[in-house]
Amino acid sequence: EIEQELSIAAGTPLTVAFNPHILPINRGILATMYATLATSSAERAHTEDAIRDLYRDFYADHPWVRVLPKGRLPETRWVRGTMFVDIAVVVDKRTGRLIVLSAIDNVCRGASGQAVANFSMATTEKWRGQDGQLQERTLWWRISIFGKMAEIAAIIWV
């Protein structure tokens, strides 16, 4: 499925190695993906920094995705209890491979995490301040109005 979707996006067949890691942890997924970089002279200009910038641009509108700075690799401890996915890219010049590493908390990425995110969106007020900057605050006081999470969920989903 990973190769299929990346091949569609690239417009050409791609081969990708995907390696989830077995670790002594009770939650989270750490994965490493490998892809062979193109070898034409024009495509060699894609340095690690340029590829990282491509990832940052692609995920700019995705608040749950954090593309990590150069030299920092994802760790499950930094995404534990969050909806974030941390991504790092590394270019192995010797082998001509792009290495993409990612970490998620698989417990929070399911329906429970979506419910919390939806609740936050439903109870967040946004406005522009006098300086023109976007301001926001979560209106947690609404919880006391509804009383129970079940009632809140029923109201959000109706």
Protein backbone atom coordinates (compact mmCIF):
# COMPACT_ATOMS: atom_id res chain seq x y z
CA GLU A 1 0.00 0.00 0.00
CA ILE A 2 2.86 2.40 0.79
CA GLU A 3 4.55 1.70 -2.56
CA GLN A 4 1.21 1.96 -4.35
CA GLU A 5 0.36 5.41 -2.98
CA LEU A 6 3.87 6.81 -3.36
CA SER A 7 4.04 5.50 -6.93
CA ILE A 8 0.74 7.22 -7.73
CA ALA A 9 2.02 10.49 -6.22
CA ALA A 10 5.35 10.24 -8.10
CA GLY A 11 3.80 9.16 -11.37
CA THR A 12 6.30 6.33 -11.67
CA PRO A 13 6.74 2.95 -9.95
CA LEU A 14 8.74 3.18 -6.71
CA THR A 15 10.25 0.59 -4.44
CA VAL A 16 10.18 1.40 -0.75
CA ALA A 17 11.41 -0.63 2.23
CA PHE A 18 9.26 -0.12 5.34
CA ASN A 19 10.65 -1.37 8.65
CA PRO A 20 8.55 -1.13 11.82
CA HIS A 21 10.67 -1.76 14.90
CA ILE A 22 9.91 -4.18 17.72
CA LEU A 23 10.77 -2.37 20.93
CA PRO A 24 10.14 -3.02 24.62
CA ILE A 25 7.42 -0.34 24.82
CA ASN A 26 3.74 -0.61 25.64
CA ARG A 27 2.53 1.92 23.09
CA GLY A 28 3.76 3.75 20.04
CA ILE A 29 5.15 2.88 16.64
CA LEU A 30 8.63 3.76 15.43
CA ALA A 31 9.14 3.14 11.72
CA THR A 32 12.00 3.53 9.27
CA MET A 33 11.39 3.74 5.52
CA TYR A 34 14.08 3.58 2.84
CA ALA A 35 13.89 4.78 -0.76
CA THR A 36 16.58 4.93 -3.42
CA LEU A 37 17.22 8.48 -4.59
CA ALA A 38 17.13 9.26 -8.30
CA THR A 39 20.57 9.28 -9.92
CA SER A 40 20.27 11.90 -12.69
CA SER A 41 22.45 14.98 -12.25
CA ALA A 42 19.44 17.34 -11.91
CA GLU A 43 17.88 15.15 -9.24
CA ARG A 44 21.13 14.86 -7.26
CA ALA A 45 20.57 18.49 -6.27
CA HIS A 46 17.98 17.24 -3.80
CA THR A 47 20.04 17.50 -0.65
CA GLU A 48 18.88 16.41 2.77
CA ASP A 49 17.96 20.03 3.57
CA ALA A 50 16.00 20.38 0.32
CA ILE A 51 14.10 17.15 0.99
CA ARG A 52 13.34 18.25 4.56
CA ASP A 53 12.00 21.54 3.15
CA LEU A 54 9.76 19.57 0.77
CA TYR A 55 8.35 17.65 3.74
CA ARG A 56 7.85 20.88 5.72
CA ASP A 57 6.05 22.51 2.79
CA PHE A 58 3.87 19.45 2.19
CA TYR A 59 2.81 19.19 5.86
CA ALA A 60 2.62 22.95 6.55
CA ASP A 61 -1.17 22.81 6.93
CA HIS A 62 -1.17 19.63 9.02
CA PRO A 63 -0.91 20.68 12.68
CA TRP A 64 -0.41 17.12 13.95
CA VAL A 65 2.72 16.52 11.80
CA ARG A 66 6.09 17.77 13.02
CA VAL A 67 9.03 17.58 10.63
CA LEU A 68 12.05 17.54 12.89
CA PRO A 69 15.15 19.69 12.37
CA LYS A 70 18.39 18.27 11.00
CA GLY A 71 20.16 15.97 13.45
CA ARG A 72 17.07 15.19 15.54
CA LEU A 73 15.40 11.80 15.16
CA PRO A 74 11.87 10.87 16.28
CA GLU A 75 11.35 9.09 19.58
CA THR A 76 8.16 7.50 20.85
CA ARG A 77 8.56 9.27 24.20
CA TRP A 78 8.07 12.66 22.50
CA VAL A 79 4.75 11.65 20.92
CA ARG A 80 3.36 9.58 23.82
CA GLY A 81 -0.12 10.77 24.77
CA THR A 82 -0.38 13.06 21.74
CA MET A 83 -1.84 13.04 18.25
CA PHE A 84 1.51 14.09 16.77
CA VAL A 85 3.55 12.21 14.22
CA ASP A 86 7.22 13.20 14.28
CA ILE A 87 9.11 12.76 11.01
CA ALA A 88 12.82 13.02 10.24
CA VAL A 89 14.62 12.66 6.93
CA VAL A 90 18.23 11.58 6.46
CA VAL A 91 20.13 11.11 3.21
CA ASP A 92 22.74 8.35 3.18
CA LYS A 93 25.12 9.64 0.51
CA ARG A 94 27.12 6.41 0.45
CA THR A 95 24.16 4.24 -0.55
CA GLY A 96 22.13 6.93 -2.32
CA ARG A 97 19.15 6.28 -0.06
CA LEU A 98 16.61 8.52 1.55
CA ILE A 99 15.79 7.36 5.08
CA VAL A 100 12.52 8.59 6.58
CA LEU A 101 11.88 7.89 10.26
CA SER A 102 8.57 8.44 12.04
CA ALA A 103 7.09 7.98 15.49
CA ILE A 104 3.45 7.97 16.57
CA ASP A 105 1.45 7.03 19.64
CA ASN A 106 -0.86 4.47 18.08
CA VAL A 107 -3.25 4.64 21.05
CA CYS A 108 -3.98 8.35 20.53
CA ARG A 109 -4.17 8.11 16.74
CA GLY A 110 -7.45 6.18 16.83
CA ALA A 111 -11.04 7.14 17.58
CA SER A 112 -10.28 8.36 21.10
CA GLY A 113 -7.69 10.83 19.84
CA GLN A 114 -10.07 12.05 17.13
CA ALA A 115 -12.78 12.58 19.75
CA VAL A 116 -10.43 14.69 21.90
CA ALA A 117 -9.29 16.70 18.85
CA ASN A 118 -12.91 17.28 17.77
CA PHE A 119 -13.83 18.36 21.30
CA SER A 120 -10.93 20.82 21.34
CA MET A 121 -11.94 22.24 17.96
CA ALA A 122 -15.58 22.52 19.06
CA THR A 123 -14.67 24.36 22.25
CA THR A 124 -11.93 26.64 20.91
CA GLU A 125 -12.74 30.27 20.27
CA LYS A 126 -10.63 32.16 17.70
CA TRP A 127 -10.47 35.88 17.06
CA ARG A 128 -8.10 38.59 15.85
CA GLY A 129 -6.62 40.81 18.53
CA GLN A 130 -6.08 44.55 18.25
CA ASP A 131 -2.63 43.84 16.83
CA GLY A 132 -4.17 41.70 14.08
CA GLN A 133 -2.66 38.49 15.45
CA LEU A 134 -4.84 35.39 15.58
CA GLN A 135 -5.77 34.57 19.18
CA GLU A 136 -7.42 31.44 20.50
CA ARG A 137 -8.52 29.94 23.79
CA THR A 138 -10.23 26.73 24.71
CA LEU A 139 -13.56 27.28 26.36
CA TRP A 140 -13.25 24.50 28.93
CA TRP A 141 -16.03 26.09 30.96
CA ARG A 142 -18.43 24.48 28.49
CA ILE A 143 -17.65 21.13 30.14
CA SER A 144 -19.49 22.19 33.28
CA ILE A 145 -22.54 23.17 31.21
CA PHE A 146 -22.90 19.67 29.76
CA GLY A 147 -21.77 17.78 32.84
CA LYS A 148 -20.57 14.53 31.29
CA MET A 149 -18.27 13.61 28.43
CA ALA A 150 -20.98 11.38 26.97
CA GLU A 151 -23.30 14.36 26.66
CA ILE A 152 -20.54 16.41 25.09
CA ALA A 153 -19.82 13.67 22.55
CA ALA A 154 -23.52 13.39 21.72
CA ILE A 155 -23.76 17.13 21.11
CA ILE A 156 -20.59 17.21 18.97
CA TRP A 157 -21.67 14.30 16.78
CA VAL A 158 -25.26 15.43 16.23
